[in-house]
N, C-alpha and C. Protein backbone atom coordinates (compact mmCIF):
# COMPACT_ATOMS: atom_id res chain seq x y z
N MET A 1 0.82 -0.83 -0.29
CA MET A 1 0.28 -0.17 0.06
C MET A 1 1.44 1.15 0.28
N PRO A 2 0.90 2.02 -0.21
CA PRO A 2 1.21 3.19 -0.09
C PRO A 2 1.72 3.91 1.28
N ILE A 3 2.50 4.56 1.28
CA ILE A 3 3.26 4.39 2.36
C ILE A 3 3.49 6.15 2.32
N SER A 4 4.01 6.97 1.88
CA SER A 4 3.95 8.48 2.45
C SER A 4 3.86 8.84 1.53
N GLN A 5 3.34 10.71 2.40
CA GLN A 5 2.01 11.11 2.35
C GLN A 5 2.16 11.31 0.73
N GLN A 6 3.16 11.92 0.02
CA GLN A 6 3.02 12.19 -1.44
C GLN A 6 2.38 10.55 -1.93
N GLU A 7 3.33 10.00 -2.43
CA GLU A 7 1.88 8.47 -2.62
C GLU A 7 0.58 8.33 -1.88
N ILE A 8 0.60 8.41 -1.01
CA ILE A 8 -0.55 8.51 -0.89
C ILE A 8 -1.66 9.86 -1.63
N TYR A 9 -1.54 10.95 -1.71
CA TYR A 9 -1.82 11.61 -2.58
C TYR A 9 -1.92 11.38 -3.84
N SER A 10 -0.72 10.62 -4.69
CA SER A 10 -0.88 10.70 -6.01
C SER A 10 -1.75 9.91 -6.33
N THR A 11 -1.92 9.01 -5.34
CA THR A 11 -2.63 7.85 -5.53
C THR A 11 -4.40 8.26 -5.93
N LYS A 12 -5.14 9.05 -4.66
CA LYS A 12 -6.00 9.20 -4.64
C LYS A 12 -6.51 10.18 -5.48
N LYS A 13 -5.61 11.46 -6.55
CA LYS A 13 -5.96 12.00 -7.68
C LYS A 13 -6.22 11.23 -8.12
N LYS A 14 -5.15 10.15 -8.67
CA LYS A 14 -5.55 9.12 -9.95
C LYS A 14 -7.06 8.34 -9.94
N PHE A 15 -7.03 8.08 -8.40
CA PHE A 15 -8.75 7.20 -8.22
C PHE A 15 -9.44 8.03 -8.56
N LEU A 16 -9.73 9.69 -8.22
CA LEU A 16 -10.62 11.26 -8.46
C LEU A 16 -11.15 10.90 -9.69
N ASN A 17 -9.75 11.51 -10.45
CA ASN A 17 -9.56 11.27 -12.01
C ASN A 17 -9.91 10.34 -12.94
N LEU A 18 -10.04 9.53 -12.02
CA LEU A 18 -10.50 7.85 -13.46
C LEU A 18 -11.72 7.69 -12.67
N ALA A 19 -12.63 7.75 -11.91
CA ALA A 19 -13.09 6.89 -11.18
C ALA A 19 -14.52 7.42 -11.42
N ARG A 20 -13.71 8.65 -10.43
CA ARG A 20 -14.40 9.66 -9.19
C ARG A 20 -14.86 9.21 -7.79
N PHE A 21 -13.35 8.16 -7.53
CA PHE A 21 -14.07 7.81 -6.87
C PHE A 21 -13.01 8.49 -5.23
N PRO A 22 -14.12 9.98 -4.15
CA PRO A 22 -12.45 10.48 -3.57
C PRO A 22 -11.94 9.37 -2.30
N ARG A 23 -11.25 9.90 -1.98
CA ARG A 23 -10.38 9.31 -0.55
C ARG A 23 -10.38 7.85 -0.62
N VAL A 24 -9.61 7.75 -1.93
CA VAL A 24 -9.55 6.23 -2.75
C VAL A 24 -8.01 5.85 -2.40
N ILE A 25 -7.46 5.20 -1.84
CA ILE A 25 -6.27 4.01 -2.44
C ILE A 25 -6.14 3.24 -2.73
N GLY A 26 -7.27 1.80 -2.80
CA GLY A 26 -7.02 1.10 -3.11
C GLY A 26 -8.23 0.10 -3.54
N ALA A 27 -9.03 -0.81 -4.58
CA ALA A 27 -10.11 -1.43 -4.18
C ALA A 27 -9.96 -3.06 -4.06
N ILE A 28 -10.18 -3.46 -3.16
CA ILE A 28 -10.64 -4.25 -3.34
C ILE A 28 -11.59 -5.42 -3.24
N ASP A 29 -11.30 -6.72 -3.96
CA ASP A 29 -11.91 -7.46 -4.07
C ASP A 29 -11.66 -8.87 -4.10
N CYS A 30 -12.75 -10.11 -4.26
CA CYS A 30 -12.06 -12.03 -3.47
C CYS A 30 -12.82 -12.67 -4.69
N THR A 31 -11.87 -13.15 -5.04
CA THR A 31 -12.13 -13.88 -6.28
C THR A 31 -11.81 -15.22 -5.42
N HIS A 32 -12.87 -16.38 -6.30
CA HIS A 32 -11.87 -17.74 -6.53
C HIS A 32 -10.97 -18.33 -7.65
N ILE A 33 -10.01 -18.86 -7.13
CA ILE A 33 -9.37 -19.75 -8.22
C ILE A 33 -9.43 -21.07 -8.40
N LYS A 34 -10.54 -21.48 -8.50
CA LYS A 34 -10.35 -22.63 -8.81
C LYS A 34 -9.24 -23.87 -8.86
N ASN A 35 -8.87 -25.17 -7.96
CA ASN A 35 -8.54 -26.46 -8.35
C ASN A 35 -9.09 -26.84 -8.15
N ASN A 36 -8.24 -28.50 -8.94
CA ASN A 36 -8.35 -30.05 -8.88
C ASN A 36 -8.26 -31.03 -7.42
N PHE A 37 -6.62 -29.92 -7.10
CA PHE A 37 -5.53 -31.32 -6.83
C PHE A 37 -6.55 -31.46 -5.45
N THR A 38 -7.33 -30.50 -4.74
CA THR A 38 -8.11 -30.09 -3.83
C THR A 38 -8.49 -31.56 -3.22
N ARG A 39 -9.22 -31.80 -3.83
CA ARG A 39 -9.87 -33.52 -3.40
C ARG A 39 -9.09 -34.50 -3.49
N PHE A 40 -7.76 -34.64 -3.49
CA PHE A 40 -6.80 -35.66 -4.11
C PHE A 40 -5.76 -35.59 -2.70
N LEU A 41 -5.88 -34.70 -1.46
CA LEU A 41 -4.78 -33.90 -1.12
C LEU A 41 -5.66 -34.56 0.71
N PHE A 42 -6.63 -34.85 0.57
CA PHE A 42 -7.43 -34.76 1.76
C PHE A 42 -8.47 -36.22 1.59
N ILE A 43 -7.60 -37.74 0.87
CA ILE A 43 -8.23 -39.05 0.85
C ILE A 43 -9.08 -39.59 2.40
N GLY A 44 -10.08 -39.74 2.02
CA GLY A 44 -10.35 -40.65 2.73
C GLY A 44 -10.48 -40.16 4.32
N ASP A 45 -10.40 -37.80 4.37
CA ASP A 45 -11.11 -36.67 4.60
C ASP A 45 -11.37 -36.26 4.78
N ASN A 46 -11.93 -35.45 6.02
CA ASN A 46 -13.70 -34.55 4.89
C ASN A 46 -13.20 -33.04 4.88
N SER A 47 -12.22 -33.54 5.04
CA SER A 47 -11.50 -31.72 4.85
C SER A 47 -11.57 -30.85 3.75
N ALA A 48 -11.58 -32.16 2.76
CA ALA A 48 -11.17 -31.60 1.48
C ALA A 48 -12.61 -30.56 0.77
N GLU A 49 -13.61 -30.91 2.26
CA GLU A 49 -14.86 -29.77 2.04
C GLU A 49 -14.63 -28.67 2.42
N ASN A 50 -13.42 -28.68 3.07
CA ASN A 50 -13.77 -26.92 2.89
C ASN A 50 -13.25 -25.55 2.38
N PHE A 51 -12.93 -26.66 0.63
CA PHE A 51 -12.18 -26.10 -0.31
C PHE A 51 -13.43 -26.25 -0.97
N ARG A 52 -14.66 -26.84 -1.25
CA ARG A 52 -15.57 -26.65 -2.00
C ARG A 52 -16.45 -25.57 -2.28
N ASN A 53 -16.75 -24.84 -2.72
CA ASN A 53 -17.36 -23.03 -2.49
C ASN A 53 -19.32 -23.99 -2.78
N ARG A 54 -19.31 -22.41 -2.96
CA ARG A 54 -20.92 -22.44 -2.84
C ARG A 54 -21.56 -22.65 -4.67
N LYS A 55 -20.69 -22.75 -5.10
CA LYS A 55 -20.54 -23.23 -6.73
C LYS A 55 -20.64 -24.52 -6.90
N ARG A 56 -19.31 -25.13 -6.16
CA ARG A 56 -19.93 -26.82 -5.71
C ARG A 56 -18.66 -26.80 -6.48
N TYR A 57 -18.05 -25.85 -6.45
CA TYR A 57 -16.26 -26.40 -7.33
C TYR A 57 -14.84 -26.37 -5.96
N PHE A 58 -14.32 -26.87 -6.34
CA PHE A 58 -13.04 -26.58 -5.66
C PHE A 58 -12.22 -25.39 -5.42
N SER A 59 -11.83 -24.78 -4.15
CA SER A 59 -11.14 -23.50 -4.80
C SER A 59 -10.42 -22.58 -3.35
N LEU A 60 -9.47 -21.78 -3.78
CA LEU A 60 -8.99 -20.87 -3.02
C LEU A 60 -9.67 -19.78 -2.22
N ASN A 61 -10.38 -18.78 -1.89
CA ASN A 61 -10.90 -17.75 -2.06
C ASN A 61 -9.62 -16.80 -2.03
N VAL A 62 -9.93 -16.00 -2.51
CA VAL A 62 -7.83 -15.22 -2.98
C VAL A 62 -8.53 -13.86 -2.81
N GLN A 63 -7.83 -12.96 -1.84
CA GLN A 63 -8.43 -11.31 -1.44
C GLN A 63 -7.30 -10.70 -2.45
N VAL A 64 -7.69 -9.55 -3.55
CA VAL A 64 -6.68 -8.69 -4.09
C VAL A 64 -6.54 -7.60 -3.93
N VAL A 65 -6.20 -5.89 -3.32
CA VAL A 65 -6.11 -4.78 -3.59
C VAL A 65 -5.42 -4.59 -3.97
N GLY A 66 -6.12 -3.64 -5.17
CA GLY A 66 -5.17 -3.18 -6.84
C GLY A 66 -5.45 -1.61 -6.52
N ASP A 67 -4.35 -1.23 -6.83
CA ASP A 67 -4.03 0.51 -6.85
C ASP A 67 -4.44 1.84 -8.08
N SER A 68 -4.75 2.41 -8.36
CA SER A 68 -5.34 3.53 -9.17
C SER A 68 -4.85 3.03 -10.63
N ASP A 69 -3.32 2.44 -10.57
CA ASP A 69 -2.91 1.55 -11.64
C ASP A 69 -2.59 1.11 -12.37
N LEU A 70 -3.78 -0.26 -11.63
CA LEU A 70 -4.08 -1.36 -11.87
C LEU A 70 -2.58 -2.55 -11.59
N TRP A 71 -1.71 -2.11 -10.31
CA TRP A 71 -1.25 -2.58 -9.70
C TRP A 71 -1.66 -3.08 -8.54
N ILE A 72 -0.81 -4.82 -8.19
CA ILE A 72 -1.35 -5.04 -6.87
C ILE A 72 -0.86 -4.88 -6.16
N ARG A 73 -1.07 -4.41 -5.15
CA ARG A 73 -0.74 -3.97 -3.80
C ARG A 73 -0.79 -5.02 -2.14
N ASP A 74 -1.87 -5.67 -2.43
CA ASP A 74 -1.69 -6.86 -1.41
C ASP A 74 -2.44 -7.19 -2.58
N ILE A 75 -2.18 -9.06 -1.49
CA ILE A 75 -3.25 -10.46 -2.22
C ILE A 75 -2.78 -10.88 -0.73
N VAL A 76 -3.72 -11.82 -0.34
CA VAL A 76 -4.10 -13.17 0.64
C VAL A 76 -5.08 -14.05 0.35
N CYS A 77 -4.12 -15.30 -0.05
CA CYS A 77 -4.62 -15.95 -0.69
C CYS A 77 -4.10 -17.91 0.40
N ARG A 78 -5.33 -17.43 1.36
CA ARG A 78 -5.48 -18.50 3.15
C ARG A 78 -6.34 -19.16 2.66
N GLY A 79 -7.95 -18.63 2.55
CA GLY A 79 -9.09 -19.77 2.77
C GLY A 79 -9.28 -20.51 1.75
N PRO A 80 -9.63 -21.44 1.88
CA PRO A 80 -10.82 -22.63 1.59
C PRO A 80 -11.85 -21.58 0.77
N GLY A 81 -12.42 -22.24 -0.17
CA GLY A 81 -13.33 -21.68 -1.25
C GLY A 81 -15.06 -22.10 0.13
N SER A 82 -14.39 -22.00 0.66
CA SER A 82 -16.42 -22.55 1.73
C SER A 82 -15.61 -20.91 2.30
N THR A 83 -15.04 -20.74 2.40
CA THR A 83 -14.76 -19.29 3.70
C THR A 83 -15.70 -17.34 2.98
N HIS A 84 -15.84 -17.32 3.46
CA HIS A 84 -17.33 -16.13 3.08
C HIS A 84 -16.11 -14.49 2.81
N ASP A 85 -15.96 -14.20 1.93
CA ASP A 85 -15.61 -12.54 1.46
C ASP A 85 -15.46 -11.80 2.82
N GLN A 86 -16.41 -12.31 4.09
CA GLN A 86 -16.70 -10.91 4.91
C GLN A 86 -15.01 -11.56 5.69
N THR A 87 -14.41 -12.51 6.02
CA THR A 87 -14.09 -13.47 6.81
C THR A 87 -12.44 -12.83 6.75
N TYR A 88 -12.03 -11.99 6.23
CA TYR A 88 -10.72 -11.53 5.29
C TYR A 88 -10.60 -10.13 6.21
């Protein structure tokens, strides 16, 4: 994330010019990254079902924060597919 006051000001200005979002330094969203190997890692164990998301396929829940220049500033990839976005 932007650290210096100048970088924060610059990022806020770019978001304002780009999308008319005032006082924003990052856009956040979560997505599901599909993986087919999870079911094989937990053979004979019910832990694999934690990775099955609401659309019924195995995935990791990944949170990404991007800046106004479309650079990824932060990424969190630790939740199984069944994890709700609000958990982060």
